[in-house]
Structure formats: structure tokens, C-alpha cells
């Protein structure tokens, strides 16, 4: 009987952990198609300065952009949240201006 309760508690704890982890991943930025269009058009009209990334830089959501890398404010109309941006190898990269964390990579 104790073994069954122990297994049950283990399964419940695992389910809670999975739910919590899923909630954390669900917080990633997802732009609506209209917002993506607005962002792309803005970046085409307002191309940022070229960026030089460190050789070991990992271009991925969640990576923090070093202070030495220039990002530009994204003042595109119609966005709820403010972002900074840069273009890296043809990819439009949205950066959280407060944390400098990459929140979305477009293209």
C-alpha cells in the first residue's frame, strides 16, 4: 500500500513539474501575423546598424545579448509591448529592452 501511495505522489509531483515548466515556456513571445508584418515593414524602413556578435554567441530565444552589441528600439505602431531589435544573418531578432534577452527570431 505504501509503495502505491509513493508512486502516486511521485506521479502527481511529476505532473505538477511538467505543468509549471509548460507555463514557463508558454511565456515566449508570439507575434500575431499582422504584428509580424508590421515589424518586418518597420525594420525594412528603419534598418539597424550592423551588429558584431562574439564568436561564441548563440543566436537563440533566451540568450542575453551582450551590452557591447548595439540594438535599436523598435517603435513600430500597433505593438502592445516595446522591443529592441537587431538583424543577424537576415534574421530579425526581437530583444527585451529591460533584460536584453532574445524573445523572438523572425524569418
PDB file of N, CA and C in Angstrom:
ATOM      1  N   UNK A   1       0.818  -1.196   0.000  1.00  0.00           N
ATOM      2  CA  UNK A   1       0.000   0.000   0.000  1.00  0.00           C
ATOM      3  C   UNK A   1       0.868   1.269   0.000  1.00  0.00           C
ATOM      4  N   UNK A   2       1.937   1.246   0.818  1.00  0.00           N
ATOM      5  CA  UNK A   2       2.821   2.409   0.869  1.00  0.00           C
ATOM      6  C   UNK A   2       3.499   2.650  -0.482  1.00  0.00           C
ATOM      7  N   UNK A   3       3.863   1.579  -1.147  1.00  0.00           N
ATOM      8  CA  UNK A   3       4.512   1.707  -2.455  1.00  0.00           C
ATOM      9  C   UNK A   3       3.563   2.372  -3.454  1.00  0.00           C
ATOM     10  N   UNK A   4       2.280   1.997  -3.412  1.00  0.00           N
ATOM     11  CA  UNK A   4       1.307   2.604  -4.330  1.00  0.00           C
ATOM     12  C   UNK A   4       1.162   4.089  -4.044  1.00  0.00           C
ATOM     13  N   UNK A   5       1.124   4.470  -2.775  1.00  0.00           N
ATOM     14  CA  UNK A   5       0.991   5.891  -2.419  1.00  0.00           C
ATOM     15  C   UNK A   5       2.239   6.664  -2.829  1.00  0.00           C
ATOM     16  N   UNK A   6       3.404   6.029  -2.645  1.00  0.00           N
ATOM     17  CA  UNK A   6       4.648   6.673  -3.028  1.00  0.00           C
ATOM     18  C   UNK A   6       4.692   6.910  -4.544  1.00  0.00           C
ATOM     19  N   UNK A   7       4.293   5.915  -5.310  1.00  0.00           N
ATOM     20  CA  UNK A   7       4.252   6.050  -6.774  1.00  0.00           C
ATOM     21  C   UNK A   7       3.246   7.118  -7.169  1.00  0.00           C
ATOM     22  N   UNK A   8       2.074   7.115  -6.532  1.00  0.00           N
ATOM     23  CA  UNK A   8       1.035   8.104  -6.826  1.00  0.00           C
ATOM     24  C   UNK A   8       1.558   9.518  -6.556  1.00  0.00           C
ATOM     25  N   UNK A   9       2.203   9.714  -5.410  1.00  0.00           N
ATOM     26  CA  UNK A   9       2.747  11.032  -5.070  1.00  0.00           C
ATOM     27  C   UNK A   9       3.837  11.448  -6.050  1.00  0.00           C
ATOM     28  N   UNK A  10       4.654  10.495  -6.475  1.00  0.00           N
ATOM     29  CA  UNK A  10       5.702  10.766  -7.454  1.00  0.00           C
ATOM     30  C   UNK A  10       5.089  11.225  -8.782  1.00  0.00           C
ATOM     31  N   UNK A  11       4.035  10.543  -9.210  1.00  0.00           N
ATOM     32  CA  UNK A  11       3.368  10.904 -10.463  1.00  0.00           C
ATOM     33  C   UNK A  11       2.714  12.277 -10.366  1.00  0.00           C
ATOM     34  N   UNK A  12       2.112  12.573  -9.233  1.00  0.00           N
ATOM     35  CA  UNK A  12       1.488  13.895  -9.042  1.00  0.00           C
ATOM     36  C   UNK A  12       2.558  14.980  -9.074  1.00  0.00           C
ATOM     37  N   UNK A  13       3.682  14.749  -8.397  1.00  0.00           N
ATOM     38  CA  UNK A  13       4.763  15.733  -8.385  1.00  0.00           C
ATOM     39  C   UNK A  13       5.301  15.942  -9.797  1.00  0.00           C
ATOM     40  N   UNK A  14       5.446  14.866 -10.549  1.00  0.00           N
ATOM     41  CA  UNK A  14       5.924  14.975 -11.929  1.00  0.00           C
ATOM     42  C   UNK A  14       4.961  15.769 -12.792  1.00  0.00           C
ATOM     43  N   UNK A  15       3.677  15.533 -12.616  1.00  0.00           N
ATOM     44  CA  UNK A  15       2.666  16.265 -13.389  1.00  0.00           C
ATOM     45  C   UNK A  15       2.702  17.754 -13.053  1.00  0.00           C
ATOM     46  N   UNK A  16       2.863  18.078 -11.779  1.00  0.00           N
ATOM     47  CA  UNK A  16       2.938  19.486 -11.374  1.00  0.00           C
ATOM     48  C   UNK A  16       4.183  20.144 -11.954  1.00  0.00           C
ATOM     49  N   UNK A  17       5.288  19.430 -11.944  1.00  0.00           N
ATOM     50  CA  UNK A  17       6.517  19.971 -12.507  1.00  0.00           C
ATOM     51  C   UNK A  17       6.356  20.207 -14.008  1.00  0.00           C
ATOM     52  N   UNK A  18       5.756  19.277 -14.696  1.00  0.00           N
ATOM     53  CA  UNK A  18       5.541  19.420 -16.142  1.00  0.00           C
ATOM     54  C   UNK A  18       4.634  20.604 -16.437  1.00  0.00           C
ATOM     55  N   UNK A  19       3.603  20.789 -15.627  1.00  0.00           N
ATOM     56  CA  UNK A  19       2.685  21.913 -15.822  1.00  0.00           C
ATOM     57  C   UNK A  19       3.400  23.230 -15.608  1.00  0.00           C
ATOM     58  N   UNK A  20       4.223  23.304 -14.572  1.00  0.00           N
ATOM     59  CA  UNK A  20       4.971  24.523 -14.286  1.00  0.00           C
ATOM     60  C   UNK A  20       5.949  24.821 -15.412  1.00  0.00           C
ATOM     61  N   UNK A  21       6.648  23.805 -15.883  1.00  0.00           N
ATOM     62  CA  UNK A  21       7.604  24.007 -16.979  1.00  0.00           C
ATOM     63  C   UNK A  21       6.877  24.464 -18.237  1.00  0.00           C
ATOM     64  N   UNK A  22       5.728  23.879 -18.523  1.00  0.00           N
ATOM     65  CA  UNK A  22       4.959  24.279 -19.707  1.00  0.00           C
ATOM     66  C   UNK A  22       4.527  25.724 -19.601  1.00  0.00           C
ATOM     67  N   UNK A  23       4.128  26.162 -18.409  1.00  0.00           N
ATOM     68  CA  UNK A  23       3.710  27.546 -18.223  1.00  0.00           C
ATOM     69  C   UNK A  23       4.875  28.491 -18.487  1.00  0.00           C
ATOM     70  N   UNK A  24       6.072  28.108 -18.068  1.00  0.00           N
ATOM     71  CA  UNK A  24       7.239  28.954 -18.307  1.00  0.00           C
ATOM     72  C   UNK A  24       7.524  29.063 -19.800  1.00  0.00           C
ATOM     73  N   UNK A  25       7.452  27.967 -20.530  1.00  0.00           N
ATOM     74  CA  UNK A  25       7.701  28.006 -21.963  1.00  0.00           C
ATOM     75  C   UNK A  25       6.586  28.744 -22.692  1.00  0.00           C
ATOM     76  N   UNK A  26       5.378  28.743 -22.158  1.00  0.00           N
ATOM     77  CA  UNK A  26       4.254  29.403 -22.807  1.00  0.00           C
ATOM     78  C   UNK A  26       4.402  30.915 -22.793  1.00  0.00           C
ATOM     79  N   UNK A  27       5.341  31.445 -21.994  1.00  0.00           N
ATOM     80  CA  UNK A  27       5.520  32.878 -21.900  1.00  0.00           C
ATOM     81  C   UNK A  27       6.348  33.455 -23.047  1.00  0.00           C
ATOM     82  N   UNK A  28       6.816  32.603 -23.950  1.00  0.00           N
ATOM     83  CA  UNK A  28       7.591  33.127 -25.061  1.00  0.00           C
ATOM     84  C   UNK A  28       6.707  34.025 -25.922  1.00  0.00           C
ATOM     85  N   UNK A  29       7.334  34.967 -26.558  1.00  0.00           N
ATOM     86  CA  UNK A  29       6.604  35.933 -27.368  1.00  0.00           C
ATOM     87  C   UNK A  29       6.121  35.270 -28.642  1.00  0.00           C
ATOM     88  N   UNK A  30       4.880  35.478 -28.957  1.00  0.00           N
ATOM     89  CA  UNK A  30       4.333  35.017 -30.227  1.00  0.00           C
ATOM     90  C   UNK A  30       3.595  36.200 -30.826  1.00  0.00           C
ATOM     91  N   UNK A  31       4.167  36.730 -31.879  1.00  0.00           N
ATOM     92  CA  UNK A  31       3.514  37.846 -32.555  1.00  0.00           C
ATOM     93  C   UNK A  31       2.413  37.312 -33.455  1.00  0.00           C
ATOM     94  N   UNK A  32       1.354  38.038 -33.517  1.00  0.00           N
ATOM     95  CA  UNK A  32       0.278  37.721 -34.439  1.00  0.00           C
ATOM     96  C   UNK A  32       0.783  37.996 -35.858  1.00  0.00           C
ATOM     97  N   UNK A  33       0.202  37.338 -36.859  1.00  0.00           N
ATOM     98  CA  UNK A  33       0.665  37.557 -38.237  1.00  0.00           C
ATOM     99  C   UNK A  33       0.674  39.031 -38.642  1.00  0.00           C
ATOM    100  N   UNK A  34      -0.332  39.791 -38.210  1.00  0.00           N
ATOM    101  CA  UNK A  34      -0.370  41.220 -38.555  1.00  0.00           C
ATOM    102  C   UNK A  34       0.799  41.955 -37.916  1.00  0.00           C
ATOM    103  N   UNK A  35       1.132  41.571 -36.658  1.00  0.00           N
ATOM    104  CA  UNK A  35       2.239  42.213 -35.957  1.00  0.00           C
ATOM    105  C   UNK A  35       3.577  41.873 -36.625  1.00  0.00           C
ATOM    106  N   UNK A  36       3.719  40.635 -37.088  1.00  0.00           N
ATOM    107  CA  UNK A  36       4.939  40.242 -37.786  1.00  0.00           C
ATOM    108  C   UNK A  36       5.131  41.105 -39.035  1.00  0.00           C
ATOM    109  N   UNK A  37       4.031  41.329 -39.751  1.00  0.00           N
ATOM    110  CA  UNK A  37       4.099  42.151 -40.956  1.00  0.00           C
ATOM    111  C   UNK A  37       4.520  43.570 -40.603  1.00  0.00           C
ATOM    112  N   UNK A  38       3.934  44.133 -39.559  1.00  0.00           N
ATOM    113  CA  UNK A  38       4.278  45.490 -39.122  1.00  0.00           C
ATOM    114  C   UNK A  38       5.751  45.566 -38.737  1.00  0.00           C
ATOM    115  N   UNK A  39       6.230  44.562 -37.989  1.00  0.00           N
ATOM    116  CA  UNK A  39       7.627  44.545 -37.549  1.00  0.00           C
ATOM    117  C   UNK A  39       8.563  44.453 -38.751  1.00  0.00           C
ATOM    118  N   UNK A  40       8.274  43.557 -39.666  1.00  0.00           N
ATOM    119  CA  UNK A  40       9.145  43.404 -40.845  1.00  0.00           C
ATOM    120  C   UNK A  40       9.188  44.680 -41.679  1.00  0.00           C
ATOM    121  N   UNK A  41       8.026  45.286 -41.897  1.00  0.00           N
ATOM    122  CA  UNK A  41       7.979  46.524 -42.678  1.00  0.00           C
ATOM    123  C   UNK A  41       8.752  47.633 -41.981  1.00  0.00           C
ATOM    124  N   UNK A  42       8.625  47.706 -40.658  1.00  0.00           N
ATOM    125  CA  UNK A  42       9.346  48.727 -39.889  1.00  0.00           C
ATOM    126  C   UNK A  42      10.855  48.531 -40.040  1.00  0.00           C
ATOM    127  N   UNK A  43      11.301  47.285 -39.901  1.00  0.00           N
ATOM    128  CA  UNK A  43      12.734  47.006 -39.961  1.00  0.00           C
ATOM    129  C   UNK A  43      13.290  47.281 -41.365  1.00  0.00           C
ATOM    130  N   UNK A  44      12.494  47.015 -42.397  1.00  0.00           N
ATOM    131  CA  UNK A  44      12.925  47.326 -43.764  1.00  0.00           C
ATOM    132  C   UNK A  44      13.099  48.834 -43.926  1.00  0.00           C
ATOM    133  N   UNK A  45      12.177  49.615 -43.354  1.00  0.00           N
ATOM    134  CA  UNK A  45      12.231  51.074 -43.476  1.00  0.00           C
ATOM    135  C   UNK A  45      13.261  51.693 -42.535  1.00  0.00           C
ATOM    136  N   UNK A  46      13.542  51.016 -41.413  1.00  0.00           N
ATOM    137  CA  UNK A  46      14.468  51.519 -40.401  1.00  0.00           C
ATOM    138  C   UNK A  46      15.570  50.486 -40.154  1.00  0.00           C
ATOM    139  N   UNK A  47      16.414  50.218 -41.141  1.00  0.00           N
ATOM    140  CA  UNK A  47      17.422  49.179 -40.940  1.00  0.00           C
ATOM    141  C   UNK A  47      18.366  49.555 -39.793  1.00  0.00           C
ATOM    142  N   UNK A  48      18.643  48.587 -38.930  1.00  0.00           N
ATOM    143  CA  UNK A  48      19.525  48.880 -37.798  1.00  0.00           C
ATOM    144  C   UNK A  48      20.984  48.934 -38.226  1.00  0.00           C
ATOM    145  N   UNK A  49      21.803  49.458 -37.340  1.00  0.00           N
ATOM    146  CA  UNK A  49      23.249  49.458 -37.584  1.00  0.00           C
ATOM    147  C   UNK A  49      23.731  48.015 -37.609  1.00  0.00           C
ATOM    148  N   UNK A  50      24.773  47.736 -38.388  1.00  0.00           N
ATOM    149  CA  UNK A  50      25.308  46.371 -38.417  1.00  0.00           C
ATOM    150  C   UNK A  50      25.776  45.965 -37.018  1.00  0.00           C
ATOM    151  N   UNK A  51      25.570  44.701 -36.683  1.00  0.00           N
ATOM    152  CA  UNK A  51      25.993  44.207 -35.376  1.00  0.00           C
ATOM    153  C   UNK A  51      27.172  43.259 -35.535  1.00  0.00           C
ATOM    154  N   UNK A  52      28.035  43.297 -34.553  1.00  0.00           N
ATOM    155  CA  UNK A  52      29.152  42.368 -34.492  1.00  0.00           C
ATOM    156  C   UNK A  52      28.950  41.537 -33.232  1.00  0.00           C
ATOM    157  N   UNK A  53      28.718  40.258 -33.452  1.00  0.00           N
ATOM    158  CA  UNK A  53      28.463  39.362 -32.325  1.00  0.00           C
ATOM    159  C   UNK A  53      29.742  38.615 -31.956  1.00  0.00           C
ATOM    160  N   UNK A  54      29.898  38.310 -30.671  1.00  0.00           N
ATOM    161  CA  UNK A  54      31.052  37.497 -30.271  1.00  0.00           C
ATOM    162  C   UNK A  54      31.017  36.149 -30.993  1.00  0.00           C
ATOM    163  N   UNK A  55      32.187  35.576 -31.255  1.00  0.00           N
ATOM    164  CA  UNK A  55      32.278  34.299 -31.978  1.00  0.00           C
ATOM    165  C   UNK A  55      31.484  33.193 -31.306  1.00  0.00           C
ATOM    166  N   UNK A  56      31.426  33.207 -29.983  1.00  0.00           N
ATOM    167  CA  UNK A  56      30.746  32.135 -29.250  1.00  0.00           C
ATOM    168  C   UNK A  56      29.279  32.456 -28.953  1.00  0.00           C
ATOM    169  N   UNK A  57      28.737  33.502 -29.590  1.00  0.00           N
ATOM    170  CA  UNK A  57      27.352  33.913 -29.324  1.00  0.00           C
ATOM    171  C   UNK A  57      26.379  32.898 -29.910  1.00  0.00           C
ATOM    172  N   UNK A  58      25.389  32.512 -29.116  1.00  0.00           N
ATOM    173  CA  UNK A  58      24.368  31.556 -29.532  1.00  0.00           C
ATOM    174  C   UNK A  58      23.094  32.326 -29.864  1.00  0.00           C
ATOM    175  N   UNK A  59      22.773  32.442 -31.135  1.00  0.00           N
ATOM    176  CA  UNK A  59      21.566  33.149 -31.557  1.00  0.00           C
ATOM    177  C   UNK A  59      20.365  32.244 -31.313  1.00  0.00           C
ATOM    178  N   UNK A  60      19.725  32.423 -30.161  1.00  0.00           N
ATOM    179  CA  UNK A  60      18.583  31.597 -29.791  1.00  0.00           C
ATOM    180  C   UNK A  60      17.706  32.373 -28.815  1.00  0.00           C
ATOM    181  N   UNK A  61      16.413  32.053 -28.822  1.00  0.00           N
ATOM    182  CA  UNK A  61      15.496  32.658 -27.860  1.00  0.00           C
ATOM    183  C   UNK A  61      15.997  32.320 -26.464  1.00  0.00           C
ATOM    184  N   UNK A  62      16.040  33.331 -25.606  1.00  0.00           N
ATOM    185  CA  UNK A  62      16.502  33.151 -24.238  1.00  0.00           C
ATOM    186  C   UNK A  62      17.937  33.585 -24.017  1.00  0.00           C
ATOM    187  N   UNK A  63      18.707  33.753 -25.094  1.00  0.00           N
ATOM    188  CA  UNK A  63      20.092  34.197 -24.970  1.00  0.00           C
ATOM    189  C   UNK A  63      20.116  35.693 -24.674  1.00  0.00           C
ATOM    190  N   UNK A  64      20.983  36.107 -23.769  1.00  0.00           N
ATOM    191  CA  UNK A  64      21.126  37.523 -23.440  1.00  0.00           C
ATOM    192  C   UNK A  64      22.151  38.143 -24.385  1.00  0.00           C
ATOM    193  N   UNK A  65      21.767  39.259 -24.969  1.00  0.00           N
ATOM    194  CA  UNK A  65      22.646  39.979 -25.896  1.00  0.00           C
ATOM    195  C   UNK A  65      23.617  40.813 -25.062  1.00  0.00           C
ATOM    196  N   UNK A  66      24.931  40.667 -25.287  1.00  0.00           N
ATOM    197  CA  UNK A  66      25.908  41.439 -24.506  1.00  0.00           C
ATOM    198  C   UNK A  66      25.712  42.947 -24.698  1.00  0.00           C
ATOM    199  N   UNK A  67      26.089  43.707 -23.679  1.00  0.00           N
ATOM    200  CA  UNK A  67      25.972  45.166 -23.742  1.00  0.00           C
ATOM    201  C   UNK A  67      26.797  45.756 -24.874  1.00  0.00           C
ATOM    202  N   UNK A  68      27.825  45.054 -25.302  1.00  0.00           N
ATOM    203  CA  UNK A  68      28.693  45.558 -26.374  1.00  0.00           C
ATOM    204  C   UNK A  68      28.018  45.498 -27.746  1.00  0.00           C
ATOM    205  N   UNK A  69      26.898  44.786 -27.842  1.00  0.00           N
ATOM    206  CA  UNK A  69      26.182  44.646 -29.113  1.00  0.00           C
ATOM    207  C   UNK A  69      25.098  45.710 -29.187  1.00  0.00           C
ATOM    208  N   UNK A  70      25.106  46.460 -30.293  1.00  0.00           N
ATOM    209  CA  UNK A  70      24.136  47.540 -30.488  1.00  0.00           C
ATOM    210  C   UNK A  70      22.786  46.979 -30.924  1.00  0.00           C
ATOM    211  N   UNK A  71      21.742  47.317 -30.178  1.00  0.00           N
ATOM    212  CA  UNK A  71      20.376  47.006 -30.584  1.00  0.00           C
ATOM    213  C   UNK A  71      19.636  48.328 -30.743  1.00  0.00           C
ATOM    214  N   UNK A  72      18.600  48.326 -31.569  1.00  0.00           N
ATOM    215  CA  UNK A  72      17.840  49.545 -31.854  1.00  0.00           C
ATOM    216  C   UNK A  72      16.447  49.430 -31.276  1.00  0.00           C
ATOM    217  N   UNK A  73      15.863  50.552 -30.836  1.00  0.00           N
ATOM    218  CA  UNK A  73      14.482  50.496 -30.347  1.00  0.00           C
ATOM    219  C   UNK A  73      13.514  50.227 -31.492  1.00  0.00           C
ATOM    220  N   UNK A  74      12.539  49.391 -31.249  1.00  0.00           N
ATOM    221  CA  UNK A  74      11.528  49.061 -32.251  1.00  0.00           C
ATOM    222  C   UNK A  74      10.285  49.881 -31.945  1.00  0.00           C
ATOM    223  N   UNK A  75      10.101  50.953 -32.696  1.00  0.00           N
ATOM    224  CA  UNK A  75       8.973  51.856 -32.477  1.00  0.00           C
ATOM    225  C   UNK A  75       7.866  51.619 -33.498  1.00  0.00           C
ATOM    226  N   UNK A  76       7.633  50.367 -33.840  1.00  0.00           N
ATOM    227  CA  UNK A  76       6.593  50.035 -34.816  1.00  0.00           C
ATOM    228  C   UNK A  76       5.223  50.277 -34.195  1.00  0.00           C
ATOM    229  N   UNK A  77       4.308  50.849 -34.956  1.00  0.00           N
ATOM    230  CA  UNK A  77       2.969  51.120 -34.423  1.00  0.00           C
ATOM    231  C   UNK A  77       2.181  49.825 -34.222  1.00  0.00           C
ATOM    232  N   UNK A  78       1.327  49.836 -33.210  1.00  0.00           N
ATOM    233  CA  UNK A  78       0.406  48.721 -33.011  1.00  0.00           C
ATOM    234  C   UNK A  78       0.928  47.572 -32.175  1.00  0.00           C
ATOM    235  N   UNK A  79       2.118  47.680 -31.626  1.00  0.00           N
ATOM    236  CA  UNK A  79       2.618  46.617 -30.763  1.00  0.00           C
ATOM    237  C   UNK A  79       2.303  46.946 -29.312  1.00  0.00           C
ATOM    238  N   UNK A  80       1.809  45.941 -28.579  1.00  0.00           N
ATOM    239  CA  UNK A  80       1.481  46.151 -27.166  1.00  0.00           C
ATOM    240  C   UNK A  80       2.720  46.379 -26.326  1.00  0.00           C
ATOM    241  N   UNK A  81       3.753  45.617 -26.592  1.00  0.00           N
ATOM    242  CA  UNK A  81       4.964  45.654 -25.782  1.00  0.00           C
ATOM    243  C   UNK A  81       6.093  46.290 -26.571  1.00  0.00           C
ATOM    244  N   UNK A  82       7.013  46.902 -25.876  1.00  0.00           N
ATOM    245  CA  UNK A  82       8.186  47.516 -26.505  1.00  0.00           C
ATOM    246  C   UNK A  82       9.295  46.479 -26.638  1.00  0.00           C
ATOM    247  N   UNK A  83       9.984  46.544 -27.761  1.00  0.00           N
ATOM    248  CA  UNK A  83      11.117  45.663 -28.020  1.00  0.00           C
ATOM    249  C   UNK A  83      12.259  46.483 -28.587  1.00  0.00           C
ATOM    250  N   UNK A  84      13.449  45.930 -28.488  1.00  0.00           N
ATOM    251  CA  UNK A  84      14.586  46.392 -29.262  1.00  0.00           C
ATOM    252  C   UNK A  84      14.763  45.353 -30.360  1.00  0.00           C
ATOM    253  N   UNK A  85      15.585  45.669 -31.357  1.00  0.00           N
ATOM    254  CA  UNK A  85      15.779  44.698 -32.428  1.00  0.00           C
ATOM    255  C   UNK A  85      17.170  44.822 -33.020  1.00  0.00           C
ATOM    256  N   UNK A  86      17.549  43.766 -33.693  1.00  0.00           N
ATOM    257  CA  UNK A  86      18.768  43.751 -34.487  1.00  0.00           C
ATOM    258  C   UNK A  86      18.532  42.763 -35.619  1.00  0.00           C
ATOM    259  N   UNK A  87      19.327  42.851 -36.646  1.00  0.00           N
ATOM    260  CA  UNK A  87      19.242  41.908 -37.755  1.00  0.00           C
ATOM    261  C   UNK A  87      20.559  41.143 -37.785  1.00  0.00           C
ATOM    262  N   UNK A  88      20.452  39.811 -37.744  1.00  0.00           N
ATOM    263  CA  UNK A  88      21.630  38.944 -37.732  1.00  0.00           C
ATOM    264  C   UNK A  88      21.462  37.904 -38.832  1.00  0.00           C
ATOM    265  N   UNK A  89      22.352  37.916 -39.801  1.00  0.00           N
ATOM    266  CA  UNK A  89      22.313  36.951 -40.904  1.00  0.00           C
ATOM    267  C   UNK A  89      20.931  36.850 -41.543  1.00  0.00           C
ATOM    268  N   UNK A  90      20.282  37.995 -41.763  1.00  0.00           N
ATOM    269  CA  UNK A  90      18.981  38.023 -42.404  1.00  0.00           C
ATOM    270  C   UNK A  90      17.808  37.714 -41.489  1.00  0.00           C
ATOM    271  N   UNK A  91      18.070  37.508 -40.199  1.00  0.00           N
ATOM    272  CA  UNK A  91      17.001  37.228 -39.244  1.00  0.00           C
ATOM    273  C   UNK A  91      16.707  38.478 -38.426  1.00  0.00           C
ATOM    274  N   UNK A  92      15.428  38.836 -38.345  1.00  0.00           N
ATOM    275  CA  UNK A  92      15.010  39.938 -37.485  1.00  0.00           C
ATOM    276  C   UNK A  92      14.898  39.379 -36.069  1.00  0.00           C
ATOM    277  N   UNK A  93      15.638  39.972 -35.152  1.00  0.00           N
ATOM    278  CA  UNK A  93      15.741  39.449 -33.794  1.00  0.00           C
ATOM    279  C   UNK A  93      15.143  40.471 -32.827  1.00  0.00           C
ATOM    280  N   UNK A  94      14.106  40.056 -32.098  1.00  0.00           N
ATOM    281  CA  UNK A  94      13.485  40.931 -31.107  1.00  0.00           C
ATOM    282  C   UNK A  94      14.131  40.686 -29.757  1.00  0.00           C
ATOM    283  N   UNK A  95      14.438  41.789 -29.065  1.00  0.00           N
ATOM    284  CA  UNK A  95      15.154  41.741 -27.795  1.00  0.00           C
ATOM    285  C   UNK A  95      14.345  42.497 -26.745  1.00  0.00           C
ATOM    286  N   UNK A  96      14.228  41.916 -25.551  1.00  0.00           N
ATOM    287  CA  UNK A  96      13.575  42.604 -24.440  1.00  0.00           C
ATOM    288  C   UNK A  96      14.497  43.749 -24.016  1.00  0.00           C
ATOM    289  N   UNK A  97      14.020  45.008 -24.059  1.00  0.00           N
ATOM    290  CA  UNK A  97      14.908  46.132 -23.755  1.00  0.00           C
ATOM    291  C   UNK A  97      15.368  46.172 -22.293  1.00  0.00           C
ATOM    292  N   UNK A  98      14.616  45.559 -21.398  1.00  0.00           N
ATOM    293  CA  UNK A  98      14.990  45.589 -19.978  1.00  0.00           C
ATOM    294  C   UNK A  98      16.036  44.535 -19.643  1.00  0.00           C
ATOM    295  N   UNK A  99      15.899  43.347 -20.204  1.00  0.00           N
ATOM    296  CA  UNK A  99      16.801  42.247 -19.859  1.00  0.00           C
ATOM    297  C   UNK A  99      17.830  41.956 -20.946  1.00  0.00           C
ATOM    298  N   UNK A 100      17.609  42.500 -22.154  1.00  0.00           N
ATOM    299  CA  UNK A 100      18.431  42.247 -23.344  1.00  0.00           C
ATOM    300  C   UNK A 100      18.394  40.777 -23.755  1.00  0.00           C
ATOM    301  N   UNK A 101      17.358  40.096 -23.360  1.00  0.00           N
ATOM    302  CA  UNK A 101      17.174  38.695 -23.728  1.00  0.00           C
ATOM    303  C   UNK A 101      16.465  38.610 -25.070  1.00  0.00           C
ATOM    304  N   UNK A 102      16.913  37.694 -25.940  1.00  0.00           N
ATOM    305  CA  UNK A 102      16.242  37.486 -27.219  1.00  0.00           C
ATOM    306  C   UNK A 102      14.904  36.828 -26.935  1.00  0.00           C
ATOM    307  N   UNK A 103      13.820  37.468 -27.425  1.00  0.00           N
ATOM    308  CA  UNK A 103      12.480  36.941 -27.167  1.00  0.00           C
ATOM    309  C   UNK A 103      11.840  36.314 -28.396  1.00  0.00           C
ATOM    310  N   UNK A 104      12.315  36.685 -29.573  1.00  0.00           N
ATOM    311  CA  UNK A 104      11.785  36.062 -30.790  1.00  0.00           C
ATOM    312  C   UNK A 104      12.742  36.310 -31.947  1.00  0.00           C
ATOM    313  N   UNK A 105      12.832  35.307 -32.809  1.00  0.00           N
ATOM    314  CA  UNK A 105      13.643  35.415 -34.020  1.00  0.00           C
ATOM    315  C   UNK A 105      12.708  35.204 -35.195  1.00  0.00           C
ATOM    316  N   UNK A 106      12.635  36.191 -36.079  1.00  0.00           N
ATOM    317  CA  UNK A 106      11.754  36.132 -37.233  1.00  0.00           C
ATOM    318  C   UNK A 106      12.556  35.763 -38.475  1.00  0.00           C
ATOM    319  N   UNK A 107      11.859  35.269 -39.503  1.00  0.00           N
ATOM    320  CA  UNK A 107      12.426  34.899 -40.820  1.00  0.00           C
ATOM    321  C   UNK A 107      12.940  33.484 -40.748  1.00  0.00           C
TER     322      UNK A 107
END
